[in-house]
Structure formats: C-alpha cells, structure tokens
Amino acid sequence: MLNPLDREQLLPRLERAGFRFSKGLGQNFVTAPWVPETLAEAAGCGKNTAVLEVGPGAGALTRCLAHRAGSVTAVEKDERILPVLREAVEDFDNVRIVLGDVLKLDLRALAEAMPEKEKVAAANLPYSITTQAVEALVAPDVFSRVAVMVQREAADRLLSRPGDRDWCLAAARVGWRYEGRRIREVPPDCFVPAPHVVSEILCFDRLEAPRVPVRDEAAFLKVLSAAFFQRRKTFANSAAAALGIGKERVSTALLEAGLSPTVRGEALDYGELARITDALER
C-alpha cells in the first residue's frame, strides 16, 4: 500500500509511473499529514455522508475522507496519476474514481448517484481553475458543505463582500447560497513541489435560503452577472449590454428601485440587485 504523504515512497512511485508534475494543471501534492486531516475535518463528513472529491492527485486527502465518510467519489482529470491513486486507496472499498474534468461533468448527476443522503464536497484546487471549480461545486445546490484548499489570493476574492476591493462575480455567485469562512493557513513547504504562495483551507456552508427573497431566481442571477459584465462602467451601461436591452429601460428600473442611474454594478448588494430585477420584470 502506498502512503502518499511519505515523500520517500511517493516520489519514486511517481517516477516509476512516468508521472511528471504539470504546471498547467497546478499539481502540488500534499505531504504534510495535518493538511488533509484538517481539510477532511472541515468537510464535516461522517459515515452517513457521501463526499465528492475534486483533484485527488496521489490520494492523500482521499484516504482521510474514506476513513470518515460513507463513500467517496474522486474526480481526477490527469490519467497519468491514476495508477498511483489506485494504489493509495486500494485498501478502501468505499472509494470510486472517476476520470473527468470537474468543469465539464454533470456534478448534480454524480451527487445524486451517491447512496448517502447527506452530500459534501472537498478539493485541493489548482489556482488556474479555483473560482470556476468552486462555482461549479456550489451551482447544483446539492452539497451541504464545500471545503477547499486554494491559494490565498483566491481565498480573498471568494470570501469578499459587497463593497470590498476584491468583490467579484465569483464571490457574488458563491455567496448567494453559501456562507464562507477561513479554516487555516497552509505554508508552501507542506507540498511537493512547493508552490510560491501560501494556501488557505476554506469552508462554505449552504444557507437554508438564498441571501434575499426573489421572485424569479433565474432572472436575478442574470442581473447579478450583468452587474459585473463591464467593471468600472455604470450598471446601466453594463446591464444594457449584458442583457441586450435599452439603457433607458435599465435607468428607469434603477430609479424605481430607489437607486442612482449612475451607480456602478460592483457597488450593488444582493437586496439592491433584487429590487432592480423586480423593476425590470415589471
């Protein structure tokens, strides 16, 4: 059995498999035991929980999750690492490995195929797809918790709030249905190869209801996206271009919502965007 946390075992095994770390895939494998333990604990899984893991790599987190959860579905994009991953989890009968891209798979279907009622997600995410992957994990609205390890810069963006310097569309979409929090900082020497940045473990808990009540959630989410379509422009200009409607109609909706026609999209909070959506629908 391979211990993926033991560098003296892991690196020769990777070499025998012909594996080379890919910068393009952001591959940095954890070798500090406390890191996957902390991430698995943050996921909050128990024997009645199914876990979707994204990017298992050599299987360090996968093993920790399998010890705790009822089942683990591990989605890995890089076919080259599969022999090593399979060896790392060969003593578990509750791990299923799926070859695929988290940004292209039907995550709702994967989650619904898991036998346990409670479903959570966990991932050590590469920087290049961090925000897209977190958005993909929260979009199906099937995971009660999403625990991820990301680089600090991405953590700052994902946990930003309306009015913050880092406030962005990804944070707005994630924060619409999930409450995020920081768990712990992870230094570069916990990985092989060591990245040039500090990472953080984050946890996102699903809210019982969206941030504010809306009449038409699909329409609201379109308006939310329109607010960030052309940053540093007024919401009226950005939304008109994004939604394909006249600027005058948007300006009228802003006035009906009690807002200035010159307000910028990134300055709007969820409640204000909900009022704009209702005004546009009217």
C-alpha atoms as a PDB file:
ATOM      1  CA  MET A   1       0.000   0.000   0.000  1.00  0.00           C
ATOM      2  CA  LEU A   2       1.333   3.441  -0.924  1.00  0.00           C
ATOM      3  CA  ASN A   3       1.431   6.203   1.682  1.00  0.00           C
ATOM      4  CA  PRO A   4       1.058   9.374  -0.439  1.00  0.00           C
ATOM      5  CA  LEU A   5       2.201  11.519   2.495  1.00  0.00           C
ATOM      6  CA  ASP A   6       5.626   9.848   2.583  1.00  0.00           C
ATOM      7  CA  ARG A   7       7.877  11.653   0.110  1.00  0.00           C
ATOM      8  CA  GLU A   8      10.377   8.778   0.116  1.00  0.00           C
ATOM      9  CA  GLN A   9       7.608   6.473  -1.101  1.00  0.00           C
ATOM     10  CA  LEU A  10       5.704   8.930  -3.258  1.00  0.00           C
ATOM     11  CA  LEU A  11       8.399  10.431  -5.472  1.00  0.00           C
ATOM     12  CA  PRO A  12       9.945   7.092  -6.619  1.00  0.00           C
ATOM     13  CA  ARG A  13       6.442   5.705  -7.230  1.00  0.00           C
ATOM     14  CA  LEU A  14       5.563   8.730  -9.367  1.00  0.00           C
ATOM     15  CA  GLU A  15       8.793   8.286 -11.313  1.00  0.00           C
ATOM     16  CA  ARG A  16       8.064   4.593 -11.966  1.00  0.00           C
ATOM     17  CA  ALA A  17       4.642   5.578 -13.260  1.00  0.00           C
ATOM     18  CA  GLY A  18       6.262   8.046 -15.651  1.00  0.00           C
ATOM     19  CA  PHE A  19       4.456  10.923 -13.959  1.00  0.00           C
ATOM     20  CA  ARG A  20       5.729  14.490 -14.195  1.00  0.00           C
ATOM     21  CA  PHE A  21       4.177  17.389 -12.320  1.00  0.00           C
ATOM     22  CA  SER A  22       2.222  19.685 -14.631  1.00  0.00           C
ATOM     23  CA  LYS A  23       2.305  23.432 -14.014  1.00  0.00           C
ATOM     24  CA  GLY A  24      -0.628  23.775 -16.373  1.00  0.00           C
ATOM     25  CA  LEU A  25      -2.746  21.534 -14.134  1.00  0.00           C
ATOM     26  CA  GLY A  26      -1.428  23.219 -10.987  1.00  0.00           C
ATOM     27  CA  GLN A  27      -0.258  19.936  -9.472  1.00  0.00           C
ATOM     28  CA  ASN A  28       1.154  20.313  -5.972  1.00  0.00           C
ATOM     29  CA  PHE A  29       0.662  17.208  -3.836  1.00  0.00           C
ATOM     30  CA  VAL A  30       0.236  17.499  -0.066  1.00  0.00           C
ATOM     31  CA  THR A  31       2.812  15.682   2.070  1.00  0.00           C
ATOM     32  CA  ALA A  32       2.159  17.248   5.499  1.00  0.00           C
ATOM     33  CA  PRO A  33      -0.244  14.881   7.335  1.00  0.00           C
ATOM     34  CA  TRP A  34      -2.121  17.624   9.200  1.00  0.00           C
ATOM     35  CA  VAL A  35      -3.267  19.288   5.967  1.00  0.00           C
ATOM     36  CA  PRO A  36      -5.559  16.545   4.567  1.00  0.00           C
ATOM     37  CA  GLU A  37      -6.717  15.790   8.110  1.00  0.00           C
ATOM     38  CA  THR A  38      -7.735  19.422   8.596  1.00  0.00           C
ATOM     39  CA  LEU A  39      -9.402  19.594   5.188  1.00  0.00           C
ATOM     40  CA  ALA A  40     -11.300  16.347   5.761  1.00  0.00           C
ATOM     41  CA  GLU A  41     -12.425  17.583   9.178  1.00  0.00           C
ATOM     42  CA  ALA A  42     -13.553  20.866   7.614  1.00  0.00           C
ATOM     43  CA  ALA A  43     -15.681  18.910   5.148  1.00  0.00           C
ATOM     44  CA  GLY A  44     -17.620  17.594   8.136  1.00  0.00           C
ATOM     45  CA  CYS A  45     -18.225  14.137   6.733  1.00  0.00           C
ATOM     46  CA  GLY A  46     -19.364  11.100   8.705  1.00  0.00           C
ATOM     47  CA  LYS A  47     -20.385   7.539   7.971  1.00  0.00           C
ATOM     48  CA  ASN A  48     -23.720   8.746   6.606  1.00  0.00           C
ATOM     49  CA  THR A  49     -22.085  11.264   4.270  1.00  0.00           C
ATOM     50  CA  ALA A  50     -21.084  10.980   0.627  1.00  0.00           C
ATOM     51  CA  VAL A  51     -18.117  13.073  -0.485  1.00  0.00           C
ATOM     52  CA  LEU A  52     -17.297  14.355  -3.943  1.00  0.00           C
ATOM     53  CA  GLU A  53     -13.565  14.993  -4.077  1.00  0.00           C
ATOM     54  CA  VAL A  54     -12.081  17.059  -6.893  1.00  0.00           C
ATOM     55  CA  GLY A  55      -8.448  16.567  -7.912  1.00  0.00           C
ATOM     56  CA  PRO A  56      -7.397  13.692  -5.621  1.00  0.00           C
ATOM     57  CA  GLY A  57      -3.888  13.544  -7.106  1.00  0.00           C
ATOM     58  CA  ALA A  58      -1.891  10.905  -5.256  1.00  0.00           C
ATOM     59  CA  GLY A  59      -4.705  10.283  -2.780  1.00  0.00           C
ATOM     60  CA  ALA A  60      -3.622  11.928   0.496  1.00  0.00           C
ATOM     61  CA  LEU A  61      -6.966  13.655   1.038  1.00  0.00           C
ATOM     62  CA  THR A  62      -8.870  10.735  -0.486  1.00  0.00           C
ATOM     63  CA  ARG A  63      -7.609   8.384   2.225  1.00  0.00           C
ATOM     64  CA  CYS A  64      -8.583  10.804   5.017  1.00  0.00           C
ATOM     65  CA  LEU A  65     -12.056  11.224   3.541  1.00  0.00           C
ATOM     66  CA  ALA A  66     -12.506   7.472   3.061  1.00  0.00           C
ATOM     67  CA  HIS A  67     -11.706   6.866   6.742  1.00  0.00           C
ATOM     68  CA  ARG A  68     -14.508   9.222   7.765  1.00  0.00           C
ATOM     69  CA  ALA A  69     -17.200   9.098   5.067  1.00  0.00           C
ATOM     70  CA  GLY A  70     -19.691   6.551   3.880  1.00  0.00           C
ATOM     71  CA  SER A  71     -18.438   6.889   0.319  1.00  0.00           C
ATOM     72  CA  VAL A  72     -16.007   8.996  -1.705  1.00  0.00           C
ATOM     73  CA  THR A  73     -16.290   9.788  -5.407  1.00  0.00           C
ATOM     74  CA  ALA A  74     -12.919  11.150  -6.523  1.00  0.00           C
ATOM     75  CA  VAL A  75     -12.847  13.075  -9.818  1.00  0.00           C
ATOM     76  CA  GLU A  76      -9.371  13.191 -11.397  1.00  0.00           C
ATOM     77  CA  LYS A  77      -8.556  14.884 -14.702  1.00  0.00           C
ATOM     78  CA  ASP A  78      -4.997  13.580 -15.213  1.00  0.00           C
ATOM     79  CA  GLU A  79      -4.997   9.972 -16.390  1.00  0.00           C
ATOM     80  CA  ARG A  80      -1.255   9.655 -15.687  1.00  0.00           C
ATOM     81  CA  ILE A  81      -1.751   9.723 -11.898  1.00  0.00           C
ATOM     82  CA  LEU A  82      -4.462   7.034 -11.803  1.00  0.00           C
ATOM     83  CA  PRO A  83      -2.147   4.031 -11.122  1.00  0.00           C
ATOM     84  CA  VAL A  84      -0.639   5.860  -8.140  1.00  0.00           C
ATOM     85  CA  LEU A  85      -4.034   6.982  -6.864  1.00  0.00           C
ATOM     86  CA  ARG A  86      -5.490   3.478  -7.146  1.00  0.00           C
ATOM     87  CA  GLU A  87      -2.560   2.060  -5.184  1.00  0.00           C
ATOM     88  CA  ALA A  88      -3.033   4.676  -2.445  1.00  0.00           C
ATOM     89  CA  VAL A  89      -6.700   3.749  -1.920  1.00  0.00           C
ATOM     90  CA  GLU A  90      -6.578   0.019  -2.690  1.00  0.00           C
ATOM     91  CA  ASP A  91      -7.413  -0.875   0.925  1.00  0.00           C
ATOM     92  CA  PHE A  92     -10.703   1.065   0.825  1.00  0.00           C
ATOM     93  CA  ASP A  93     -13.910  -0.333  -0.641  1.00  0.00           C
ATOM     94  CA  ASN A  94     -15.832   2.942  -0.386  1.00  0.00           C
ATOM     95  CA  VAL A  95     -13.818   4.934  -2.957  1.00  0.00           C
ATOM     96  CA  ARG A  96     -14.915   5.372  -6.562  1.00  0.00           C
ATOM     97  CA  ILE A  97     -12.517   7.041  -9.017  1.00  0.00           C
ATOM     98  CA  VAL A  98     -13.953   8.985 -11.962  1.00  0.00           C
ATOM     99  CA  LEU A  99     -11.743  10.228 -14.777  1.00  0.00           C
ATOM    100  CA  GLY A 100     -13.031  13.620 -15.861  1.00  0.00           C
ATOM    101  CA  ASP A 101     -12.950  17.400 -15.711  1.00  0.00           C
ATOM    102  CA  VAL A 102     -14.936  18.978 -12.862  1.00  0.00           C
ATOM    103  CA  LEU A 103     -15.804  21.914 -15.135  1.00  0.00           C
ATOM    104  CA  LYS A 104     -17.412  19.609 -17.701  1.00  0.00           C
ATOM    105  CA  LEU A 105     -19.011  16.831 -15.657  1.00  0.00           C
ATOM    106  CA  ASP A 106     -22.630  16.800 -14.505  1.00  0.00           C
ATOM    107  CA  LEU A 107     -21.949  17.217 -10.782  1.00  0.00           C
ATOM    108  CA  ARG A 108     -25.613  17.023  -9.865  1.00  0.00           C
ATOM    109  CA  ALA A 109     -25.879  13.610 -11.518  1.00  0.00           C
ATOM    110  CA  LEU A 110     -22.706  12.440  -9.763  1.00  0.00           C
ATOM    111  CA  ALA A 111     -24.046  13.602  -6.413  1.00  0.00           C
ATOM    112  CA  GLU A 112     -27.452  12.048  -6.946  1.00  0.00           C
ATOM    113  CA  ALA A 113     -25.790   8.716  -7.748  1.00  0.00           C
ATOM    114  CA  MET A 114     -24.155   8.653  -4.315  1.00  0.00           C
ATOM    115  CA  PRO A 115     -26.089   6.403  -1.918  1.00  0.00           C
ATOM    116  CA  GLU A 116     -25.889   8.582   1.197  1.00  0.00           C
ATOM    117  CA  LYS A 117     -28.448  11.320   1.804  1.00  0.00           C
ATOM    118  CA  GLU A 118     -26.026  13.993   3.020  1.00  0.00           C
ATOM    119  CA  LYS A 119     -23.512  15.124   0.415  1.00  0.00           C
ATOM    120  CA  VAL A 120     -20.434  17.327   0.775  1.00  0.00           C
ATOM    121  CA  ALA A 121     -17.534  18.257  -1.474  1.00  0.00           C
ATOM    122  CA  ALA A 122     -13.815  18.615  -0.810  1.00  0.00           C
ATOM    123  CA  ALA A 123     -10.916  19.652  -3.014  1.00  0.00           C
ATOM    124  CA  ASN A 124      -7.320  20.813  -3.236  1.00  0.00           C
ATOM    125  CA  LEU A 125      -7.787  23.140  -6.196  1.00  0.00           C
ATOM    126  CA  PRO A 126      -5.198  24.414  -8.677  1.00  0.00           C
ATOM    127  CA  TYR A 127      -5.033  28.196  -8.934  1.00  0.00           C
ATOM    128  CA  SER A 128      -5.916  28.248 -12.637  1.00  0.00           C
ATOM    129  CA  ILE A 129      -9.458  26.905 -12.097  1.00  0.00           C
ATOM    130  CA  THR A 130     -10.130  27.826  -8.457  1.00  0.00           C
ATOM    131  CA  THR A 131     -13.042  30.204  -8.906  1.00  0.00           C
ATOM    132  CA  GLN A 132     -14.626  28.200 -11.737  1.00  0.00           C
ATOM    133  CA  ALA A 133     -14.359  24.966  -9.729  1.00  0.00           C
ATOM    134  CA  VAL A 134     -15.858  26.460  -6.560  1.00  0.00           C
ATOM    135  CA  GLU A 135     -18.693  27.943  -8.614  1.00  0.00           C
ATOM    136  CA  ALA A 136     -19.243  24.540 -10.236  1.00  0.00           C
ATOM    137  CA  LEU A 137     -19.437  22.860  -6.826  1.00  0.00           C
ATOM    138  CA  VAL A 138     -21.986  25.280  -5.374  1.00  0.00           C
ATOM    139  CA  ALA A 139     -24.098  25.678  -8.538  1.00  0.00           C
ATOM    140  CA  PRO A 140     -26.019  22.341  -8.271  1.00  0.00           C
ATOM    141  CA  ASP A 141     -27.053  23.329  -4.707  1.00  0.00           C
ATOM    142  CA  VAL A 142     -26.750  19.703  -3.595  1.00  0.00           C
ATOM    143  CA  PHE A 143     -23.721  19.878  -1.269  1.00  0.00           C
ATOM    144  CA  SER A 144     -24.414  20.960   2.295  1.00  0.00           C
ATOM    145  CA  ARG A 145     -20.759  21.946   2.652  1.00  0.00           C
ATOM    146  CA  VAL A 146     -17.855  22.597   0.303  1.00  0.00           C
ATOM    147  CA  ALA A 147     -14.345  22.516   1.818  1.00  0.00           C
ATOM    148  CA  VAL A 148     -11.489  23.580  -0.426  1.00  0.00           C
ATOM    149  CA  MET A 149      -7.815  24.449  -0.293  1.00  0.00           C
ATOM    150  CA  VAL A 150      -6.917  27.389  -2.513  1.00  0.00           C
ATOM    151  CA  GLN A 151      -4.174  29.962  -2.841  1.00  0.00           C
ATOM    152  CA  ARG A 152      -4.540  32.970  -0.556  1.00  0.00           C
ATOM    153  CA  GLU A 153      -5.281  35.433  -3.356  1.00  0.00           C
ATOM    154  CA  ALA A 154      -8.201  33.284  -4.493  1.00  0.00           C
ATOM    155  CA  ALA A 155      -9.376  32.939  -0.884  1.00  0.00           C
ATOM    156  CA  ASP A 156      -9.504  36.720  -0.523  1.00  0.00           C
ATOM    157  CA  ARG A 157     -11.629  37.001  -3.661  1.00  0.00           C
ATOM    158  CA  LEU A 158     -14.010  34.166  -2.826  1.00  0.00           C
ATOM    159  CA  LEU A 159     -14.669  35.491   0.699  1.00  0.00           C
ATOM    160  CA  SER A 160     -15.101  39.112  -0.355  1.00  0.00           C
ATOM    161  CA  ARG A 161     -18.331  41.024   0.297  1.00  0.00           C
ATOM    162  CA  PRO A 162     -20.181  43.854  -1.457  1.00  0.00           C
ATOM    163  CA  GLY A 163     -18.064  46.973  -1.140  1.00  0.00           C
ATOM    164  CA  ASP A 164     -14.765  45.100  -0.689  1.00  0.00           C
ATOM    165  CA  ARG A 165     -11.892  45.745  -3.081  1.00  0.00           C
ATOM    166  CA  ASP A 166     -11.896  42.074  -4.137  1.00  0.00           C
ATOM    167  CA  TRP A 167     -15.679  41.843  -4.611  1.00  0.00           C
ATOM    168  CA  CYS A 168     -16.270  39.955  -7.865  1.00  0.00           C
ATOM    169  CA  LEU A 169     -18.819  37.874  -9.740  1.00  0.00           C
ATOM    170  CA  ALA A 170     -17.462  34.552  -8.430  1.00  0.00           C
ATOM    171  CA  ALA A 171     -17.797  35.723  -4.823  1.00  0.00           C
ATOM    172  CA  ALA A 172     -21.287  37.041  -5.545  1.00  0.00           C
ATOM    173  CA  ARG A 173     -22.449  33.766  -7.073  1.00  0.00           C
ATOM    174  CA  VAL A 174     -20.929  31.622  -4.328  1.00  0.00           C
ATOM    175  CA  GLY A 175     -22.141  33.904  -1.547  1.00  0.00           C
ATOM    176  CA  TRP A 176     -25.692  33.890  -2.893  1.00  0.00           C
ATOM    177  CA  ARG A 177     -26.361  30.468  -1.361  1.00  0.00           C
ATOM    178  CA  TYR A 178     -23.268  29.698   0.752  1.00  0.00           C
ATOM    179  CA  GLU A 179     -21.550  31.265   3.765  1.00  0.00           C
ATOM    180  CA  GLY A 180     -17.758  31.056   3.544  1.00  0.00           C
ATOM    181  CA  ARG A 181     -15.117  31.127   6.278  1.00  0.00           C
ATOM    182  CA  ARG A 182     -11.382  30.616   6.679  1.00  0.00           C
ATOM    183  CA  ILE A 183     -10.186  27.475   8.464  1.00  0.00           C
ATOM    184  CA  ARG A 184      -6.390  27.506   8.391  1.00  0.00           C
ATOM    185  CA  GLU A 185      -3.356  28.784   6.514  1.00  0.00           C
ATOM    186  CA  VAL A 186      -1.138  26.240   4.734  1.00  0.00           C
ATOM    187  CA  PRO A 187       2.531  27.150   4.054  1.00  0.00           C
ATOM    188  CA  PRO A 188       4.349  26.145   0.832  1.00  0.00           C
ATOM    189  CA  ASP A 189       6.568  23.519   2.499  1.00  0.00           C
ATOM    190  CA  CYS A 190       3.510  21.296   3.001  1.00  0.00           C
ATOM    191  CA  PHE A 191       3.506  20.449  -0.718  1.00  0.00           C
ATOM    192  CA  VAL A 192       5.675  18.767  -3.304  1.00  0.00           C
ATOM    193  CA  PRO A 193       6.679  20.598  -5.376  1.00  0.00           C
ATOM    194  CA  ALA A 194       6.404  23.625  -3.074  1.00  0.00           C
ATOM    195  CA  PRO A 195       4.316  26.442  -4.581  1.00  0.00           C
ATOM    196  CA  HIS A 196       5.469  30.050  -4.387  1.00  0.00           C
ATOM    197  CA  VAL A 197       2.411  31.183  -2.443  1.00  0.00           C
ATOM    198  CA  VAL A 198       0.589  30.492   0.811  1.00  0.00           C
ATOM    199  CA  SER A 199      -2.620  28.457   0.598  1.00  0.00           C
ATOM    200  CA  GLU A 200      -5.718  28.500   2.777  1.00  0.00           C
ATOM    201  CA  ILE A 201      -8.367  25.976   3.694  1.00  0.00           C
ATOM    202  CA  LEU A 202     -11.860  27.434   3.294  1.00  0.00           C
ATOM    203  CA  CYS A 203     -15.276  26.092   4.175  1.00  0.00           C
ATOM    204  CA  PHE A 204     -18.575  27.062   2.533  1.00  0.00           C
ATOM    205  CA  ASP A 205     -21.817  26.098   4.287  1.00  0.00           C
ATOM    206  CA  ARG A 206     -25.069  26.084   2.358  1.00  0.00           C
ATOM    207  CA  LEU A 207     -27.633  28.584   3.605  1.00  0.00           C
ATOM    208  CA  GLU A 208     -31.178  27.487   4.349  1.00  0.00           C
ATOM    209  CA  ALA A 209     -32.365  30.032   1.784  1.00  0.00           C
ATOM    210  CA  PRO A 210     -30.732  32.497  -0.622  1.00  0.00           C
ATOM    211  CA  ARG A 211     -29.428  35.782   0.798  1.00  0.00           C
ATOM    212  CA  VAL A 212     -32.601  37.694  -0.047  1.00  0.00           C
ATOM    213  CA  PRO A 213     -36.025  36.591  -1.303  1.00  0.00           C
ATOM    214  CA  VAL A 214     -36.504  36.978  -5.066  1.00  0.00           C
ATOM    215  CA  ARG A 215     -39.497  36.331  -7.280  1.00  0.00           C
ATOM    216  CA  ASP A 216     -37.505  34.831 -10.157  1.00  0.00           C
ATOM    217  CA  GLU A 217     -34.089  33.439  -9.215  1.00  0.00           C
ATOM    218  CA  ALA A 218     -33.022  32.812 -12.822  1.00  0.00           C
ATOM    219  CA  ALA A 219     -33.757  36.445 -13.712  1.00  0.00           C
ATOM    220  CA  PHE A 220     -31.960  37.644 -10.583  1.00  0.00           C
ATOM    221  CA  LEU A 221     -28.825  35.658 -11.418  1.00  0.00           C
ATOM    222  CA  LYS A 222     -28.770  37.165 -14.907  1.00  0.00           C
ATOM    223  CA  VAL A 223     -28.926  40.650 -13.395  1.00  0.00           C
ATOM    224  CA  LEU A 224     -26.220  39.685 -10.905  1.00  0.00           C
ATOM    225  CA  SER A 225     -23.928  38.620 -13.742  1.00  0.00           C
ATOM    226  CA  ALA A 226     -24.771  41.792 -15.666  1.00  0.00           C
ATOM    227  CA  ALA A 227     -23.564  43.889 -12.736  1.00  0.00           C
ATOM    228  CA  PHE A 228     -20.009  42.630 -13.313  1.00  0.00           C
ATOM    229  CA  PHE A 229     -20.143  42.410 -17.114  1.00  0.00           C
ATOM    230  CA  GLN A 230     -18.232  45.640 -17.671  1.00  0.00           C
ATOM    231  CA  ARG A 231     -16.438  46.650 -14.497  1.00  0.00           C
ATOM    232  CA  ARG A 232     -15.796  50.339 -13.862  1.00  0.00           C
ATOM    233  CA  LYS A 233     -18.780  51.236 -16.027  1.00  0.00           C
ATOM    234  CA  THR A 234     -22.171  52.230 -14.711  1.00  0.00           C
ATOM    235  CA  PHE A 235     -24.645  49.450 -14.052  1.00  0.00           C
ATOM    236  CA  ALA A 236     -26.965  50.930 -16.680  1.00  0.00           C
ATOM    237  CA  ASN A 237     -24.324  50.586 -19.403  1.00  0.00           C
ATOM    238  CA  SER A 238     -23.108  47.165 -18.228  1.00  0.00           C
ATOM    239  CA  ALA A 239     -26.572  45.662 -17.806  1.00  0.00           C
ATOM    240  CA  ALA A 240     -27.874  47.042 -21.079  1.00  0.00           C
ATOM    241  CA  ALA A 241     -25.010  45.355 -22.934  1.00  0.00           C
ATOM    242  CA  ALA A 242     -25.183  42.100 -20.968  1.00  0.00           C
ATOM    243  CA  LEU A 243     -28.974  41.713 -21.064  1.00  0.00           C
ATOM    244  CA  GLY A 244     -29.480  43.066 -24.570  1.00  0.00           C
ATOM    245  CA  ILE A 245     -31.989  45.726 -23.522  1.00  0.00           C
ATOM    246  CA  GLY A 246     -32.099  49.500 -23.795  1.00  0.00           C
ATOM    247  CA  LYS A 247     -30.130  51.644 -21.367  1.00  0.00           C
ATOM    248  CA  GLU A 248     -33.229  53.777 -20.729  1.00  0.00           C
ATOM    249  CA  ARG A 249     -35.117  50.740 -19.506  1.00  0.00           C
ATOM    250  CA  VAL A 250     -32.296  49.912 -17.075  1.00  0.00           C
ATOM    251  CA  SER A 251     -32.096  53.517 -15.878  1.00  0.00           C
ATOM    252  CA  THR A 252     -35.842  53.529 -15.238  1.00  0.00           C
ATOM    253  CA  ALA A 253     -35.548  50.283 -13.248  1.00  0.00           C
ATOM    254  CA  LEU A 254     -32.765  51.822 -11.167  1.00  0.00           C
ATOM    255  CA  LEU A 255     -34.955  54.821 -10.319  1.00  0.00           C
ATOM    256  CA  GLU A 256     -37.866  52.523  -9.438  1.00  0.00           C
ATOM    257  CA  ALA A 257     -35.510  50.599  -7.139  1.00  0.00           C
ATOM    258  CA  GLY A 258     -34.522  53.849  -5.422  1.00  0.00           C
ATOM    259  CA  LEU A 259     -31.005  53.907  -6.877  1.00  0.00           C
ATOM    260  CA  SER A 260     -28.960  56.393  -8.852  1.00  0.00           C
ATOM    261  CA  PRO A 261     -28.839  55.850 -12.640  1.00  0.00           C
ATOM    262  CA  THR A 262     -25.049  56.302 -12.415  1.00  0.00           C
ATOM    263  CA  VAL A 263     -24.395  53.613  -9.784  1.00  0.00           C
ATOM    264  CA  ARG A 264     -21.707  51.065 -10.643  1.00  0.00           C
ATOM    265  CA  GLY A 265     -22.584  47.374 -10.714  1.00  0.00           C
ATOM    266  CA  GLU A 266     -19.910  46.261  -8.249  1.00  0.00           C
ATOM    267  CA  ALA A 267     -21.300  48.733  -5.685  1.00  0.00           C
ATOM    268  CA  LEU A 268     -24.678  46.980  -5.519  1.00  0.00           C
ATOM    269  CA  ASP A 269     -25.581  44.447  -2.829  1.00  0.00           C
ATOM    270  CA  TYR A 270     -27.954  41.489  -3.117  1.00  0.00           C
ATOM    271  CA  GLY A 271     -31.003  43.415  -1.895  1.00  0.00           C
ATOM    272  CA  GLU A 272     -30.458  46.244  -4.373  1.00  0.00           C
ATOM    273  CA  LEU A 273     -29.966  43.795  -7.245  1.00  0.00           C
ATOM    274  CA  ALA A 274     -33.189  42.033  -6.236  1.00  0.00           C
ATOM    275  CA  ARG A 275     -35.102  45.354  -6.383  1.00  0.00           C
ATOM    276  CA  ILE A 276     -33.610  46.087  -9.800  1.00  0.00           C
ATOM    277  CA  THR A 277     -34.630  42.627 -11.040  1.00  0.00           C
ATOM    278  CA  ASP A 278     -38.196  43.129  -9.867  1.00  0.00           C
ATOM    279  CA  ALA A 279     -38.315  46.544 -11.529  1.00  0.00           C
ATOM    280  CA  LEU A 280     -37.004  45.155 -14.805  1.00  0.00           C
ATOM    281  CA  GLU A 281     -39.536  42.316 -14.698  1.00  0.00           C
ATOM    282  CA  ARG A 282     -42.343  44.822 -14.225  1.00  0.00           C
END
